Amino acid sequence: MIKVLIFLTLLGATNAMAQDSLPIQGPLQTASDSMDYFFGINMGYSVDNNPYIKNQDLVIAGFIQALEGKAAWDANSSKTILMELLTNMAAKSAPQPNAGSNENLAKGRAFLEENGKREGVITSSSGLQYEIITKGTGPLPTASSTVEVHYEGKLIDGTEFDSSYKRGESISFPLNRVIKGWTEGVQLMQVGSVYKFFIPSELAYGSQNKGSIPSNSVLIFKIELLGIL
């Protein structure tokens, strides 16, 4: 924020000089001259690309008023006001959840509420739900383990968005480098197990759209733990 204030001041100075037809006459005389001049040039270029500045005439007017002691606000007040304006503009430009995203969230919660009532479905303290299809007898991985798995992923409407089975190739990855639902869930599995996980959006991709996965989606994964590497 403070940088923006510096930008505004320097841009105003540069433009005021240009409008008053005061070009540099002859070579710069001292190192201080050079520093001042090129500092102004570089900051001016930076300000020129600043998306918040829409009217350079107003920038110049504000600079001149401050320089002449005629500004309606003192330095501290103007900084506070500018920071508030920038904060409000940034908030307005931030992505807002759309109707589809909110609908996915509501549908996901309703699905998990009903799914958790089914026999054989276990719900953890985090909200992760799972059911055991095949119970293996091998070792358990830890959060820092690298594991090899086969899997298929679906949305709650049955749409399949990924499958290592269909690609014909298992995958390996560190458990601390995947979504939270996987990190938690795969640690419950002994090698040789096949589990089905129902992952709340907050343990998956949350409000992000991820490829063919809409924001705030509950994800259903069947995971087969082949080994710990």
C-alpha atoms as a PDB file:
ATOM      1  CA  MET A   1       0.000   0.000   0.000  1.00  0.00           C
ATOM      2  CA  ILE A   2       2.771   2.427   0.951  1.00  0.00           C
ATOM      3  CA  LYS A   3       4.487   1.651  -2.362  1.00  0.00           C
ATOM      4  CA  VAL A   4       1.364   2.795  -4.169  1.00  0.00           C
ATOM      5  CA  LEU A   5       1.552   6.127  -2.378  1.00  0.00           C
ATOM      6  CA  ILE A   6       5.171   6.547  -3.436  1.00  0.00           C
ATOM      7  CA  PHE A   7       4.210   5.605  -7.002  1.00  0.00           C
ATOM      8  CA  LEU A   8       1.457   8.219  -7.041  1.00  0.00           C
ATOM      9  CA  THR A   9       3.778  10.956  -5.841  1.00  0.00           C
ATOM     10  CA  LEU A  10       6.508  10.157  -8.334  1.00  0.00           C
ATOM     11  CA  LEU A  11       4.136   9.799 -11.243  1.00  0.00           C
ATOM     12  CA  GLY A  12       2.644  13.170 -10.413  1.00  0.00           C
ATOM     13  CA  ALA A  13       6.093  14.730 -10.283  1.00  0.00           C
ATOM     14  CA  THR A  14       7.103  13.225 -13.605  1.00  0.00           C
ATOM     15  CA  ASN A  15       3.933  14.315 -15.378  1.00  0.00           C
ATOM     16  CA  ALA A  16       3.992  17.790 -13.830  1.00  0.00           C
ATOM     17  CA  MET A  17       7.515  18.277 -15.150  1.00  0.00           C
ATOM     18  CA  ALA A  18       6.468  17.073 -18.584  1.00  0.00           C
ATOM     19  CA  GLN A  19       3.421  19.342 -18.725  1.00  0.00           C
ATOM     20  CA  ASP A  20       5.494  22.360 -17.701  1.00  0.00           C
ATOM     21  CA  SER A  21       7.960  21.618 -20.519  1.00  0.00           C
ATOM     22  CA  LEU A  22      10.930  21.127 -18.250  1.00  0.00           C
ATOM     23  CA  PRO A  23      13.088  18.547 -20.076  1.00  0.00           C
ATOM     24  CA  ILE A  24      16.511  17.648 -18.777  1.00  0.00           C
ATOM     25  CA  GLN A  25      18.989  20.175 -20.194  1.00  0.00           C
ATOM     26  CA  GLY A  26      22.389  18.675 -20.956  1.00  0.00           C
ATOM     27  CA  PRO A  27      24.015  15.794 -19.054  1.00  0.00           C
ATOM     28  CA  LEU A  28      23.124  15.047 -15.475  1.00  0.00           C
ATOM     29  CA  GLN A  29      25.731  16.801 -13.364  1.00  0.00           C
ATOM     30  CA  THR A  30      26.097  14.596 -10.300  1.00  0.00           C
ATOM     31  CA  ALA A  31      25.472  11.054  -9.103  1.00  0.00           C
ATOM     32  CA  SER A  32      22.652  12.451  -6.995  1.00  0.00           C
ATOM     33  CA  ASP A  33      21.085  14.010 -10.104  1.00  0.00           C
ATOM     34  CA  SER A  34      21.281  10.684 -11.888  1.00  0.00           C
ATOM     35  CA  MET A  35      19.837   8.757  -8.970  1.00  0.00           C
ATOM     36  CA  ASP A  36      16.909  11.153  -8.623  1.00  0.00           C
ATOM     37  CA  TYR A  37      16.152  11.156 -12.327  1.00  0.00           C
ATOM     38  CA  PHE A  38      16.378   7.412 -12.934  1.00  0.00           C
ATOM     39  CA  PHE A  39      14.558   6.651  -9.718  1.00  0.00           C
ATOM     40  CA  GLY A  40      11.716   8.738 -11.088  1.00  0.00           C
ATOM     41  CA  ILE A  41      11.832   7.004 -14.477  1.00  0.00           C
ATOM     42  CA  ASN A  42      11.703   3.507 -12.999  1.00  0.00           C
ATOM     43  CA  MET A  43       8.955   4.306 -10.548  1.00  0.00           C
ATOM     44  CA  GLY A  44       7.012   6.057 -13.280  1.00  0.00           C
ATOM     45  CA  TYR A  45       7.112   2.945 -15.460  1.00  0.00           C
ATOM     46  CA  SER A  46       5.882   0.873 -12.519  1.00  0.00           C
ATOM     47  CA  VAL A  47       3.000   3.226 -11.841  1.00  0.00           C
ATOM     48  CA  ASP A  48       2.026   3.296 -15.499  1.00  0.00           C
ATOM     49  CA  ASN A  49       1.166  -0.394 -15.204  1.00  0.00           C
ATOM     50  CA  ASN A  50      -0.709   0.011 -11.920  1.00  0.00           C
ATOM     51  CA  PRO A  51      -4.300  -1.195 -12.498  1.00  0.00           C
ATOM     52  CA  TYR A  52      -5.690   1.099  -9.800  1.00  0.00           C
ATOM     53  CA  ILE A  53      -4.684   4.308 -11.596  1.00  0.00           C
ATOM     54  CA  LYS A  54      -7.333   5.305 -14.138  1.00  0.00           C
ATOM     55  CA  ASN A  55      -6.944   9.093 -14.402  1.00  0.00           C
ATOM     56  CA  GLN A  56      -3.421  10.501 -14.364  1.00  0.00           C
ATOM     57  CA  ASP A  57      -4.749  14.083 -14.350  1.00  0.00           C
ATOM     58  CA  LEU A  58      -6.223  13.464 -10.909  1.00  0.00           C
ATOM     59  CA  VAL A  59      -2.930  11.959  -9.778  1.00  0.00           C
ATOM     60  CA  ILE A  60      -1.148  15.136 -10.873  1.00  0.00           C
ATOM     61  CA  ALA A  61      -3.773  17.353  -9.217  1.00  0.00           C
ATOM     62  CA  GLY A  62      -3.435  15.509  -5.927  1.00  0.00           C
ATOM     63  CA  PHE A  63       0.345  15.744  -6.069  1.00  0.00           C
ATOM     64  CA  ILE A  64       0.338  19.495  -6.725  1.00  0.00           C
ATOM     65  CA  GLN A  65      -2.207  20.173  -3.974  1.00  0.00           C
ATOM     66  CA  ALA A  66      -0.108  18.229  -1.478  1.00  0.00           C
ATOM     67  CA  LEU A  67       3.070  19.989  -2.615  1.00  0.00           C
ATOM     68  CA  GLU A  68       1.455  23.405  -2.177  1.00  0.00           C
ATOM     69  CA  GLY A  69      -0.119  22.526   1.169  1.00  0.00           C
ATOM     70  CA  LYS A  70      -3.636  22.797  -0.258  1.00  0.00           C
ATOM     71  CA  ALA A  71      -4.729  19.152  -0.018  1.00  0.00           C
ATOM     72  CA  ALA A  72      -8.004  18.549   1.802  1.00  0.00           C
ATOM     73  CA  TRP A  73      -6.429  15.719   3.845  1.00  0.00           C
ATOM     74  CA  ASP A  74      -3.137  15.512   5.681  1.00  0.00           C
ATOM     75  CA  ALA A  75      -0.565  12.804   4.954  1.00  0.00           C
ATOM     76  CA  ASN A  76      -1.782  10.327   7.575  1.00  0.00           C
ATOM     77  CA  SER A  77      -5.447  10.726   6.645  1.00  0.00           C
ATOM     78  CA  SER A  78      -4.745  10.344   2.934  1.00  0.00           C
ATOM     79  CA  LYS A  79      -2.755   7.156   3.552  1.00  0.00           C
ATOM     80  CA  THR A  80      -5.584   5.704   5.629  1.00  0.00           C
ATOM     81  CA  ILE A  81      -8.208   6.596   3.022  1.00  0.00           C
ATOM     82  CA  LEU A  82      -6.120   5.184   0.174  1.00  0.00           C
ATOM     83  CA  MET A  83      -5.555   1.923   2.028  1.00  0.00           C
ATOM     84  CA  GLU A  84      -9.291   1.586   2.678  1.00  0.00           C
ATOM     85  CA  LEU A  85     -10.086   2.258  -0.984  1.00  0.00           C
ATOM     86  CA  LEU A  86      -7.522  -0.272  -2.188  1.00  0.00           C
ATOM     87  CA  THR A  87      -8.784  -2.885   0.274  1.00  0.00           C
ATOM     88  CA  ASN A  88     -12.385  -2.386  -0.873  1.00  0.00           C
ATOM     89  CA  MET A  89     -11.423  -2.586  -4.546  1.00  0.00           C
ATOM     90  CA  ALA A  90      -9.432  -5.769  -3.959  1.00  0.00           C
ATOM     91  CA  ALA A  91     -12.365  -7.341  -2.106  1.00  0.00           C
ATOM     92  CA  LYS A  92     -14.759  -6.496  -4.942  1.00  0.00           C
ATOM     93  CA  SER A  93     -12.438  -8.015  -7.530  1.00  0.00           C
ATOM     94  CA  ALA A  94     -11.951 -11.243  -5.561  1.00  0.00           C
ATOM     95  CA  PRO A  95     -13.728 -14.302  -7.009  1.00  0.00           C
ATOM     96  CA  GLN A  96     -17.158 -14.776  -5.474  1.00  0.00           C
ATOM     97  CA  PRO A  97     -18.835 -18.152  -5.069  1.00  0.00           C
ATOM     98  CA  ASN A  98     -21.442 -18.624  -7.773  1.00  0.00           C
ATOM     99  CA  ALA A  99     -24.846 -20.233  -7.516  1.00  0.00           C
ATOM    100  CA  GLY A 100     -23.513 -23.538  -8.855  1.00  0.00           C
ATOM    101  CA  SER A 101     -20.788 -23.609  -6.237  1.00  0.00           C
ATOM    102  CA  ASN A 102     -23.280 -23.027  -3.422  1.00  0.00           C
ATOM    103  CA  GLU A 103     -25.582 -25.662  -4.876  1.00  0.00           C
ATOM    104  CA  ASN A 104     -22.737 -28.194  -4.961  1.00  0.00           C
ATOM    105  CA  LEU A 105     -21.967 -27.442  -1.331  1.00  0.00           C
ATOM    106  CA  ALA A 106     -25.585 -28.001  -0.277  1.00  0.00           C
ATOM    107  CA  LYS A 107     -25.921 -31.191  -2.329  1.00  0.00           C
ATOM    108  CA  GLY A 108     -22.652 -32.508  -0.960  1.00  0.00           C
ATOM    109  CA  ARG A 109     -23.683 -31.970   2.640  1.00  0.00           C
ATOM    110  CA  ALA A 110     -27.035 -33.643   2.062  1.00  0.00           C
ATOM    111  CA  PHE A 111     -25.324 -36.589   0.363  1.00  0.00           C
ATOM    112  CA  LEU A 112     -22.851 -37.080   3.210  1.00  0.00           C
ATOM    113  CA  GLU A 113     -25.589 -36.856   5.819  1.00  0.00           C
ATOM    114  CA  GLU A 114     -27.546 -39.682   4.185  1.00  0.00           C
ATOM    115  CA  ASN A 115     -24.468 -41.671   3.186  1.00  0.00           C
ATOM    116  CA  GLY A 116     -23.220 -41.686   6.767  1.00  0.00           C
ATOM    117  CA  LYS A 117     -26.367 -43.573   7.819  1.00  0.00           C
ATOM    118  CA  ARG A 118     -25.619 -46.524   5.558  1.00  0.00           C
ATOM    119  CA  GLU A 119     -24.456 -49.751   7.170  1.00  0.00           C
ATOM    120  CA  GLY A 120     -20.715 -50.186   6.872  1.00  0.00           C
ATOM    121  CA  VAL A 121     -19.937 -46.499   6.340  1.00  0.00           C
ATOM    122  CA  ILE A 122     -17.621 -45.019   8.960  1.00  0.00           C
ATOM    123  CA  THR A 123     -17.307 -41.263   9.538  1.00  0.00           C
ATOM    124  CA  SER A 124     -14.089 -39.899  11.039  1.00  0.00           C
ATOM    125  CA  SER A 125     -13.793 -36.828  13.263  1.00  0.00           C
ATOM    126  CA  SER A 126     -12.751 -34.737  10.232  1.00  0.00           C
ATOM    127  CA  GLY A 127     -15.909 -35.686   8.327  1.00  0.00           C
ATOM    128  CA  LEU A 128     -14.175 -38.165   6.010  1.00  0.00           C
ATOM    129  CA  GLN A 129     -16.408 -41.164   5.296  1.00  0.00           C
ATOM    130  CA  TYR A 130     -15.220 -44.575   4.167  1.00  0.00           C
ATOM    131  CA  GLU A 131     -16.220 -48.183   3.785  1.00  0.00           C
ATOM    132  CA  ILE A 132     -13.969 -51.213   3.661  1.00  0.00           C
ATOM    133  CA  ILE A 133     -14.316 -53.313   0.513  1.00  0.00           C
ATOM    134  CA  THR A 134     -11.283 -55.542   1.056  1.00  0.00           C
ATOM    135  CA  LYS A 135      -9.193 -55.642   4.229  1.00  0.00           C
ATOM    136  CA  GLY A 136      -5.507 -56.170   3.501  1.00  0.00           C
ATOM    137  CA  THR A 137      -2.922 -57.683   5.827  1.00  0.00           C
ATOM    138  CA  GLY A 138       0.150 -55.601   4.963  1.00  0.00           C
ATOM    139  CA  PRO A 139       1.708 -52.664   6.809  1.00  0.00           C
ATOM    140  CA  LEU A 140       0.068 -49.284   7.340  1.00  0.00           C
ATOM    141  CA  PRO A 141       1.573 -46.216   5.656  1.00  0.00           C
ATOM    142  CA  THR A 142       2.294 -42.971   7.492  1.00  0.00           C
ATOM    143  CA  ALA A 143       1.716 -39.396   6.334  1.00  0.00           C
ATOM    144  CA  SER A 144       5.319 -39.245   5.105  1.00  0.00           C
ATOM    145  CA  SER A 145       5.131 -42.535   3.179  1.00  0.00           C
ATOM    146  CA  THR A 146       5.249 -42.809  -0.584  1.00  0.00           C
ATOM    147  CA  VAL A 147       2.576 -45.241  -1.709  1.00  0.00           C
ATOM    148  CA  GLU A 148       1.536 -47.032  -4.890  1.00  0.00           C
ATOM    149  CA  VAL A 149      -2.177 -47.208  -5.607  1.00  0.00           C
ATOM    150  CA  HIS A 150      -4.846 -47.903  -8.168  1.00  0.00           C
ATOM    151  CA  TYR A 151      -7.926 -45.717  -7.922  1.00  0.00           C
ATOM    152  CA  GLU A 152     -11.035 -44.375  -9.568  1.00  0.00           C
ATOM    153  CA  GLY A 153     -12.675 -41.056  -8.759  1.00  0.00           C
ATOM    154  CA  LYS A 154     -16.312 -40.055  -9.173  1.00  0.00           C
ATOM    155  CA  LEU A 155     -18.668 -37.217  -8.316  1.00  0.00           C
ATOM    156  CA  ILE A 156     -21.794 -37.905  -6.280  1.00  0.00           C
ATOM    157  CA  ASP A 157     -23.873 -38.057  -9.479  1.00  0.00           C
ATOM    158  CA  GLY A 158     -21.727 -40.976 -10.676  1.00  0.00           C
ATOM    159  CA  THR A 159     -19.644 -38.997 -13.175  1.00  0.00           C
ATOM    160  CA  GLU A 160     -16.179 -40.522 -13.351  1.00  0.00           C
ATOM    161  CA  PHE A 161     -13.432 -37.896 -13.599  1.00  0.00           C
ATOM    162  CA  ASP A 162     -10.335 -40.086 -13.294  1.00  0.00           C
ATOM    163  CA  SER A 163      -9.278 -43.731 -13.211  1.00  0.00           C
ATOM    164  CA  SER A 164      -5.848 -45.319 -13.069  1.00  0.00           C
ATOM    165  CA  TYR A 165      -7.537 -48.631 -13.873  1.00  0.00           C
ATOM    166  CA  LYS A 166      -8.676 -47.305 -17.245  1.00  0.00           C
ATOM    167  CA  ARG A 167      -5.218 -45.899 -17.940  1.00  0.00           C
ATOM    168  CA  GLY A 168      -3.810 -49.321 -17.149  1.00  0.00           C
ATOM    169  CA  GLU A 169      -1.134 -47.918 -14.871  1.00  0.00           C
ATOM    170  CA  SER A 170      -0.940 -47.459 -11.109  1.00  0.00           C
ATOM    171  CA  ILE A 171       0.451 -44.254  -9.608  1.00  0.00           C
ATOM    172  CA  SER A 172       2.905 -43.489  -6.805  1.00  0.00           C
ATOM    173  CA  PHE A 173       3.012 -40.347  -4.665  1.00  0.00           C
ATOM    174  CA  PRO A 174       3.980 -39.068  -1.200  1.00  0.00           C
ATOM    175  CA  LEU A 175       0.931 -39.038   1.059  1.00  0.00           C
ATOM    176  CA  ASN A 176       1.743 -35.535   2.279  1.00  0.00           C
ATOM    177  CA  ARG A 177       1.477 -34.134  -1.255  1.00  0.00           C
ATOM    178  CA  VAL A 178      -2.162 -34.937  -2.006  1.00  0.00           C
ATOM    179  CA  ILE A 179      -5.571 -33.691  -0.858  1.00  0.00           C
ATOM    180  CA  LYS A 180      -6.297 -33.977   2.862  1.00  0.00           C
ATOM    181  CA  GLY A 181      -8.905 -36.677   2.347  1.00  0.00           C
ATOM    182  CA  TRP A 182      -6.338 -38.932   0.687  1.00  0.00           C
ATOM    183  CA  THR A 183      -3.659 -38.217   3.281  1.00  0.00           C
ATOM    184  CA  GLU A 184      -6.009 -39.167   6.096  1.00  0.00           C
ATOM    185  CA  GLY A 185      -7.761 -42.016   4.359  1.00  0.00           C
ATOM    186  CA  VAL A 186      -4.867 -43.985   2.898  1.00  0.00           C
ATOM    187  CA  GLN A 187      -3.195 -44.074   6.326  1.00  0.00           C
ATOM    188  CA  LEU A 188      -6.142 -46.201   7.485  1.00  0.00           C
ATOM    189  CA  MET A 189      -5.396 -48.843   4.855  1.00  0.00           C
ATOM    190  CA  GLN A 190      -3.092 -51.820   5.201  1.00  0.00           C
ATOM    191  CA  VAL A 191      -1.309 -52.822   2.014  1.00  0.00           C
ATOM    192  CA  GLY A 192      -3.636 -55.025  -0.019  1.00  0.00           C
ATOM    193  CA  SER A 193      -6.758 -53.165   1.106  1.00  0.00           C
ATOM    194  CA  VAL A 194      -9.456 -51.651  -1.087  1.00  0.00           C
ATOM    195  CA  TYR A 195     -11.463 -48.826   0.481  1.00  0.00           C
ATOM    196  CA  LYS A 196     -14.108 -46.461  -0.817  1.00  0.00           C
ATOM    197  CA  PHE A 197     -13.798 -42.900   0.450  1.00  0.00           C
ATOM    198  CA  PHE A 198     -16.419 -40.151   0.457  1.00  0.00           C
ATOM    199  CA  ILE A 199     -14.431 -36.948   0.795  1.00  0.00           C
ATOM    200  CA  PRO A 200     -16.078 -33.648   1.827  1.00  0.00           C
ATOM    201  CA  SER A 201     -15.115 -30.684  -0.329  1.00  0.00           C
ATOM    202  CA  GLU A 202     -13.130 -29.096   2.508  1.00  0.00           C
ATOM    203  CA  LEU A 203     -10.875 -32.176   2.507  1.00  0.00           C
ATOM    204  CA  ALA A 204     -10.629 -32.097  -1.293  1.00  0.00           C
ATOM    205  CA  TYR A 205     -10.411 -29.010  -3.529  1.00  0.00           C
ATOM    206  CA  GLY A 206     -12.793 -26.734  -1.623  1.00  0.00           C
ATOM    207  CA  SER A 207     -14.076 -23.777  -3.629  1.00  0.00           C
ATOM    208  CA  GLN A 208     -11.600 -24.335  -6.475  1.00  0.00           C
ATOM    209  CA  ASN A 209     -12.606 -25.741  -9.837  1.00  0.00           C
ATOM    210  CA  LYS A 210     -10.150 -28.511 -10.648  1.00  0.00           C
ATOM    211  CA  GLY A 211     -10.337 -29.663 -14.251  1.00  0.00           C
ATOM    212  CA  SER A 212     -13.647 -31.488 -14.634  1.00  0.00           C
ATOM    213  CA  ILE A 213     -14.294 -31.304 -10.880  1.00  0.00           C
ATOM    214  CA  PRO A 214     -16.655 -28.420 -10.015  1.00  0.00           C
ATOM    215  CA  SER A 215     -16.029 -26.290  -6.940  1.00  0.00           C
ATOM    216  CA  ASN A 216     -17.304 -27.508  -3.551  1.00  0.00           C
ATOM    217  CA  SER A 217     -17.708 -31.075  -4.803  1.00  0.00           C
ATOM    218  CA  VAL A 218     -17.782 -34.165  -2.618  1.00  0.00           C
ATOM    219  CA  LEU A 219     -15.443 -36.717  -4.190  1.00  0.00           C
ATOM    220  CA  ILE A 220     -15.860 -40.488  -4.132  1.00  0.00           C
ATOM    221  CA  PHE A 221     -12.703 -42.557  -4.541  1.00  0.00           C
ATOM    222  CA  LYS A 222     -12.196 -46.279  -4.656  1.00  0.00           C
ATOM    223  CA  ILE A 223      -8.549 -46.805  -3.704  1.00  0.00           C
ATOM    224  CA  GLU A 224      -6.506 -49.995  -3.804  1.00  0.00           C
ATOM    225  CA  LEU A 225      -3.269 -49.783  -1.813  1.00  0.00           C
ATOM    226  CA  LEU A 226      -0.698 -51.809  -3.734  1.00  0.00           C
ATOM    227  CA  GLY A 227       2.394 -51.026  -1.712  1.00  0.00           C
ATOM    228  CA  ILE A 228       4.573 -48.683   0.319  1.00  0.00           C
ATOM    229  CA  LEU A 229       7.733 -47.606  -1.496  1.00  0.00           C
END
